[in-house]
């Protein structure tokens, strides 16, 4: 499967929100909203909020995209991803993502 690596290293190609968006799958939107209520502690998320094509792709973005401090930081530095930043391994912004999803760090360190 093609990888679509976000600024923080998450693979948007495997993200349930992106899959639901590009396939227009309302059942997956509903299931994703229910799942995210618990794992991301966002009790007010609704299926209508599950719309995103990925932070580095054209199209609709998930609600927190515009305020994502990781994306904002990378953009201000002129980077496509945090993988270009020499401070990535010690960055307090991105470390919580990499602690919960180690694959994201792997993705950034292995970009071609």
N, C-alpha and C. Protein backbone atom coordinates (compact mmCIF):
# COMPACT_ATOMS: atom_id res chain seq x y z
N UNK A 1 0.83 -1.18 0.00
CA UNK A 1 0.00 0.00 0.00
C UNK A 1 0.88 1.24 0.00
N UNK A 2 0.48 2.24 -0.76
CA UNK A 2 1.19 3.50 -0.83
C UNK A 2 1.16 4.19 0.53
N UNK A 3 2.26 4.84 0.87
CA UNK A 3 2.30 5.60 2.12
C UNK A 3 2.07 7.07 1.82
N UNK A 4 1.29 7.71 2.65
CA UNK A 4 1.06 9.15 2.61
C UNK A 4 1.45 9.67 3.98
N UNK A 5 2.70 10.08 4.12
CA UNK A 5 3.23 10.42 5.43
C UNK A 5 2.91 11.87 5.80
N UNK A 6 2.29 12.02 6.96
CA UNK A 6 1.94 13.34 7.48
C UNK A 6 3.18 14.04 8.02
N UNK A 7 3.02 15.28 8.43
CA UNK A 7 4.13 16.04 9.00
C UNK A 7 4.76 15.32 10.18
N UNK A 8 3.93 14.70 11.01
CA UNK A 8 4.42 14.02 12.22
C UNK A 8 4.85 12.58 11.97
N UNK A 9 4.58 12.07 10.78
CA UNK A 9 5.00 10.71 10.46
C UNK A 9 3.89 9.69 10.39
N UNK A 10 2.68 10.06 10.77
CA UNK A 10 1.56 9.12 10.65
C UNK A 10 1.33 8.81 9.18
N UNK A 11 0.91 7.59 8.90
CA UNK A 11 0.64 7.19 7.52
C UNK A 11 -0.84 7.43 7.23
N UNK A 12 -1.13 8.52 6.54
CA UNK A 12 -2.52 8.88 6.24
C UNK A 12 -3.19 7.82 5.36
N UNK A 13 -2.42 7.07 4.59
CA UNK A 13 -3.01 6.05 3.72
C UNK A 13 -3.73 4.97 4.51
N UNK A 14 -3.34 4.77 5.77
CA UNK A 14 -3.98 3.75 6.60
C UNK A 14 -4.94 4.35 7.63
N UNK A 15 -5.11 5.66 7.61
CA UNK A 15 -5.98 6.34 8.58
C UNK A 15 -7.44 6.10 8.22
N UNK A 16 -8.21 5.67 9.22
CA UNK A 16 -9.62 5.39 9.00
C UNK A 16 -10.40 6.63 8.56
N UNK A 17 -10.02 7.80 9.04
CA UNK A 17 -10.71 9.03 8.62
C UNK A 17 -10.47 9.30 7.15
N UNK A 18 -9.25 9.13 6.69
CA UNK A 18 -8.95 9.36 5.28
C UNK A 18 -9.65 8.32 4.40
N UNK A 19 -9.60 7.07 4.83
CA UNK A 19 -10.25 6.00 4.05
C UNK A 19 -11.75 6.27 3.95
N UNK A 20 -12.37 6.65 5.07
CA UNK A 20 -13.80 6.95 5.05
C UNK A 20 -14.10 8.14 4.13
N UNK A 21 -13.20 9.10 4.10
CA UNK A 21 -13.40 10.29 3.27
C UNK A 21 -13.29 9.95 1.79
N UNK A 22 -12.22 9.28 1.40
CA UNK A 22 -12.00 9.03 -0.04
C UNK A 22 -12.96 7.98 -0.59
N UNK A 23 -13.49 7.13 0.28
CA UNK A 23 -14.46 6.13 -0.19
C UNK A 23 -15.91 6.53 0.11
N UNK A 24 -16.06 7.68 0.77
CA UNK A 24 -17.38 8.19 1.18
C UNK A 24 -18.17 7.12 1.94
N UNK A 25 -17.52 6.53 2.93
CA UNK A 25 -18.08 5.43 3.72
C UNK A 25 -18.62 5.96 5.05
N UNK A 26 -19.91 6.20 5.10
CA UNK A 26 -20.53 6.73 6.32
C UNK A 26 -20.48 5.76 7.49
N UNK A 27 -20.52 4.47 7.22
CA UNK A 27 -20.42 3.48 8.31
C UNK A 27 -19.04 3.53 8.94
N UNK A 28 -17.99 3.69 8.12
CA UNK A 28 -16.64 3.80 8.66
C UNK A 28 -16.47 5.11 9.41
N UNK A 29 -17.09 6.19 8.93
CA UNK A 29 -17.06 7.46 9.67
C UNK A 29 -17.66 7.27 11.07
N UNK A 30 -18.80 6.59 11.11
CA UNK A 30 -19.48 6.36 12.39
C UNK A 30 -18.61 5.52 13.33
N UNK A 31 -18.06 4.44 12.81
CA UNK A 31 -17.21 3.57 13.62
C UNK A 31 -15.95 4.30 14.08
N UNK A 32 -15.37 5.11 13.22
CA UNK A 32 -14.16 5.86 13.56
C UNK A 32 -14.46 6.89 14.65
N UNK A 33 -15.56 7.59 14.53
CA UNK A 33 -15.94 8.57 15.55
C UNK A 33 -16.10 7.88 16.91
N UNK A 34 -16.77 6.75 16.92
CA UNK A 34 -16.96 6.01 18.18
C UNK A 34 -15.62 5.57 18.77
N UNK A 35 -14.74 5.08 17.94
CA UNK A 35 -13.42 4.63 18.39
C UNK A 35 -12.60 5.80 18.92
N UNK A 36 -12.59 6.91 18.19
CA UNK A 36 -11.79 8.07 18.57
C UNK A 36 -12.30 8.75 19.83
N UNK A 37 -13.60 8.61 20.13
CA UNK A 37 -14.14 9.18 21.36
C UNK A 37 -13.36 8.65 22.55
N UNK A 38 -13.03 7.38 22.50
CA UNK A 38 -12.33 6.73 23.59
C UNK A 38 -10.82 6.91 23.50
N UNK A 39 -10.23 6.53 22.37
CA UNK A 39 -8.77 6.52 22.32
C UNK A 39 -8.15 7.91 22.31
N UNK A 40 -8.86 8.91 21.79
CA UNK A 40 -8.33 10.28 21.77
C UNK A 40 -9.05 11.19 22.76
N UNK A 41 -9.95 10.62 23.56
CA UNK A 41 -10.67 11.36 24.59
C UNK A 41 -11.35 12.62 24.02
N UNK A 42 -12.12 12.41 22.95
CA UNK A 42 -12.91 13.50 22.35
C UNK A 42 -14.38 13.06 22.31
N UNK A 43 -15.06 13.16 23.45
CA UNK A 43 -16.42 12.65 23.54
C UNK A 43 -17.43 13.32 22.61
N UNK A 44 -17.11 14.52 22.13
CA UNK A 44 -18.06 15.22 21.28
C UNK A 44 -17.81 15.04 19.78
N UNK A 45 -16.89 14.16 19.40
CA UNK A 45 -16.63 13.95 17.97
C UNK A 45 -17.81 13.20 17.34
N UNK A 46 -18.17 13.63 16.15
CA UNK A 46 -19.30 13.01 15.47
C UNK A 46 -18.86 12.44 14.12
N UNK A 47 -19.63 11.55 13.54
CA UNK A 47 -19.29 11.02 12.22
C UNK A 47 -19.11 12.13 11.18
N UNK A 48 -19.87 13.21 11.29
CA UNK A 48 -19.76 14.32 10.34
C UNK A 48 -18.39 15.00 10.40
N UNK A 49 -17.69 14.84 11.52
CA UNK A 49 -16.37 15.45 11.68
C UNK A 49 -15.26 14.58 11.08
N UNK A 50 -15.58 13.36 10.72
CA UNK A 50 -14.59 12.43 10.18
C UNK A 50 -14.49 12.64 8.67
N UNK A 51 -13.72 13.65 8.31
CA UNK A 51 -13.47 13.99 6.91
C UNK A 51 -12.07 14.55 6.79
N UNK A 52 -11.21 13.85 6.08
CA UNK A 52 -9.84 14.31 5.91
C UNK A 52 -9.18 13.54 4.76
N UNK A 53 -8.43 14.27 3.96
CA UNK A 53 -7.67 13.62 2.88
C UNK A 53 -6.20 13.45 3.25
N UNK A 54 -5.81 13.96 4.41
CA UNK A 54 -4.43 13.90 4.85
C UNK A 54 -3.85 15.30 4.93
N UNK A 55 -2.98 15.53 5.90
CA UNK A 55 -2.52 16.90 6.14
C UNK A 55 -1.64 17.45 5.02
N UNK A 56 -1.07 16.59 4.21
CA UNK A 56 -0.21 17.07 3.12
C UNK A 56 -0.83 16.85 1.74
N UNK A 57 -2.08 16.46 1.71
CA UNK A 57 -2.79 16.21 0.45
C UNK A 57 -3.83 17.30 0.22
N UNK A 58 -4.19 17.52 -1.02
CA UNK A 58 -5.26 18.46 -1.34
C UNK A 58 -6.58 17.91 -0.81
N UNK A 59 -7.48 18.80 -0.45
CA UNK A 59 -8.81 18.38 -0.04
C UNK A 59 -9.15 18.75 1.39
N UNK A 60 -10.23 18.20 1.85
CA UNK A 60 -10.78 18.49 3.17
C UNK A 60 -9.83 18.01 4.27
N UNK A 61 -9.83 18.73 5.39
CA UNK A 61 -8.96 18.40 6.52
C UNK A 61 -9.78 18.18 7.79
N UNK A 62 -9.27 17.34 8.65
CA UNK A 62 -9.89 17.09 9.95
C UNK A 62 -9.83 18.39 10.77
N UNK A 63 -10.73 18.57 11.69
CA UNK A 63 -10.88 19.82 12.42
C UNK A 63 -9.63 20.42 13.03
N UNK A 64 -8.77 19.63 13.64
CA UNK A 64 -7.59 20.18 14.32
C UNK A 64 -6.45 20.53 13.38
N UNK A 65 -6.59 20.27 12.09
CA UNK A 65 -5.52 20.51 11.12
C UNK A 65 -5.01 21.95 11.19
N UNK A 66 -5.93 22.90 11.23
CA UNK A 66 -5.54 24.31 11.19
C UNK A 66 -4.79 24.76 12.44
N UNK A 67 -4.94 24.02 13.54
CA UNK A 67 -4.27 24.40 14.78
C UNK A 67 -3.19 23.40 15.19
N UNK A 68 -2.91 22.42 14.37
CA UNK A 68 -1.90 21.41 14.71
C UNK A 68 -0.53 22.06 14.82
N UNK A 69 -0.01 22.10 16.03
CA UNK A 69 1.27 22.77 16.28
C UNK A 69 2.44 22.07 15.58
N UNK A 70 2.34 20.78 15.39
CA UNK A 70 3.40 20.05 14.69
C UNK A 70 3.44 20.48 13.23
N UNK A 71 2.28 20.51 12.58
CA UNK A 71 2.21 20.93 11.18
C UNK A 71 2.63 22.39 11.03
N UNK A 72 2.17 23.23 11.93
CA UNK A 72 2.51 24.65 11.88
C UNK A 72 4.02 24.85 12.01
N UNK A 73 4.64 24.14 12.94
CA UNK A 73 6.09 24.24 13.14
C UNK A 73 6.85 23.79 11.89
N UNK A 74 6.49 22.64 11.36
CA UNK A 74 7.18 22.13 10.16
C UNK A 74 7.02 23.11 9.00
N UNK A 75 5.83 23.64 8.82
CA UNK A 75 5.57 24.59 7.74
C UNK A 75 6.39 25.86 7.92
N UNK A 76 6.43 26.40 9.13
CA UNK A 76 7.21 27.61 9.40
C UNK A 76 8.70 27.40 9.09
N UNK A 77 9.18 26.19 9.33
CA UNK A 77 10.59 25.88 9.06
C UNK A 77 10.83 25.52 7.60
N UNK A 78 9.76 25.45 6.81
CA UNK A 78 9.90 25.13 5.39
C UNK A 78 10.05 23.64 5.12
N UNK A 79 9.64 22.81 6.06
CA UNK A 79 9.77 21.36 5.93
C UNK A 79 8.46 20.73 5.49
N UNK A 80 8.54 19.70 4.69
CA UNK A 80 7.36 18.91 4.33
C UNK A 80 6.95 18.03 5.51
N UNK A 81 7.93 17.51 6.22
CA UNK A 81 7.68 16.68 7.40
C UNK A 81 8.72 17.00 8.46
N UNK A 82 8.46 16.54 9.67
CA UNK A 82 9.41 16.72 10.77
C UNK A 82 10.69 15.91 10.54
N UNK A 83 10.65 14.96 9.62
CA UNK A 83 11.83 14.16 9.32
C UNK A 83 12.98 14.99 8.79
N UNK A 84 12.71 16.19 8.31
CA UNK A 84 13.76 17.08 7.81
C UNK A 84 14.40 17.90 8.92
N UNK A 85 13.82 17.89 10.10
CA UNK A 85 14.28 18.73 11.20
C UNK A 85 15.35 18.02 12.03
N UNK A 86 16.45 18.73 12.28
CA UNK A 86 17.54 18.16 13.07
C UNK A 86 17.15 18.00 14.54
N UNK A 87 16.10 18.69 14.98
CA UNK A 87 15.66 18.64 16.37
C UNK A 87 14.57 17.60 16.62
N UNK A 88 14.22 16.82 15.61
CA UNK A 88 13.09 15.88 15.73
C UNK A 88 13.23 14.93 16.92
N UNK A 89 14.40 14.38 17.13
CA UNK A 89 14.57 13.38 18.20
C UNK A 89 14.40 13.95 19.60
N UNK A 90 14.53 15.26 19.75
CA UNK A 90 14.39 15.88 21.07
C UNK A 90 13.20 16.83 21.15
N UNK A 91 12.36 16.84 20.15
CA UNK A 91 11.24 17.78 20.07
C UNK A 91 10.10 17.39 21.02
N UNK A 92 9.69 18.34 21.85
CA UNK A 92 8.60 18.07 22.79
C UNK A 92 7.23 18.10 22.11
N UNK A 93 7.13 18.72 20.94
CA UNK A 93 5.85 18.73 20.22
C UNK A 93 5.52 17.36 19.64
N UNK A 94 6.51 16.74 19.04
CA UNK A 94 6.24 15.49 18.30
C UNK A 94 6.45 14.23 19.14
N UNK A 95 7.16 14.33 20.23
CA UNK A 95 7.46 13.12 21.01
C UNK A 95 6.22 12.39 21.50
N UNK A 96 5.12 13.05 21.90
CA UNK A 96 3.93 12.29 22.30
C UNK A 96 3.36 11.43 21.17
N UNK A 97 3.42 11.93 19.94
CA UNK A 97 2.94 11.15 18.80
C UNK A 97 3.81 9.91 18.64
N UNK A 98 5.11 10.10 18.69
CA UNK A 98 6.02 8.98 18.47
C UNK A 98 6.00 7.97 19.61
N UNK A 99 5.66 8.42 20.81
CA UNK A 99 5.52 7.48 21.93
C UNK A 99 4.29 6.61 21.74
N UNK A 100 3.17 7.22 21.27
CA UNK A 100 1.96 6.41 21.10
C UNK A 100 1.93 5.67 19.78
N UNK A 101 2.62 6.15 18.77
CA UNK A 101 2.64 5.48 17.46
C UNK A 101 4.10 5.43 16.97
N UNK A 102 4.88 4.46 17.47
CA UNK A 102 6.29 4.37 17.07
C UNK A 102 6.50 4.27 15.55
N UNK A 103 5.50 3.74 14.84
CA UNK A 103 5.61 3.65 13.39
C UNK A 103 5.79 5.03 12.75
N UNK A 104 5.24 6.07 13.38
CA UNK A 104 5.36 7.42 12.84
C UNK A 104 6.82 7.87 12.81
N UNK A 105 7.55 7.59 13.86
CA UNK A 105 8.97 7.93 13.90
C UNK A 105 9.73 7.12 12.86
N UNK A 106 9.42 5.84 12.77
CA UNK A 106 10.04 4.98 11.75
C UNK A 106 9.79 5.55 10.36
N UNK A 107 8.55 5.95 10.09
CA UNK A 107 8.21 6.51 8.78
C UNK A 107 9.05 7.72 8.45
N UNK A 108 9.22 8.63 9.42
CA UNK A 108 10.00 9.84 9.18
C UNK A 108 11.47 9.53 8.95
N UNK A 109 11.99 8.58 9.70
CA UNK A 109 13.41 8.25 9.56
C UNK A 109 13.70 7.46 8.29
N UNK A 110 12.66 6.96 7.64
CA UNK A 110 12.85 6.14 6.45
C UNK A 110 12.19 6.72 5.20
N UNK A 111 11.97 8.02 5.18
CA UNK A 111 11.43 8.66 3.98
C UNK A 111 12.47 8.60 2.88
N UNK A 112 12.01 8.37 1.67
CA UNK A 112 12.95 8.32 0.53
C UNK A 112 13.06 9.68 -0.09
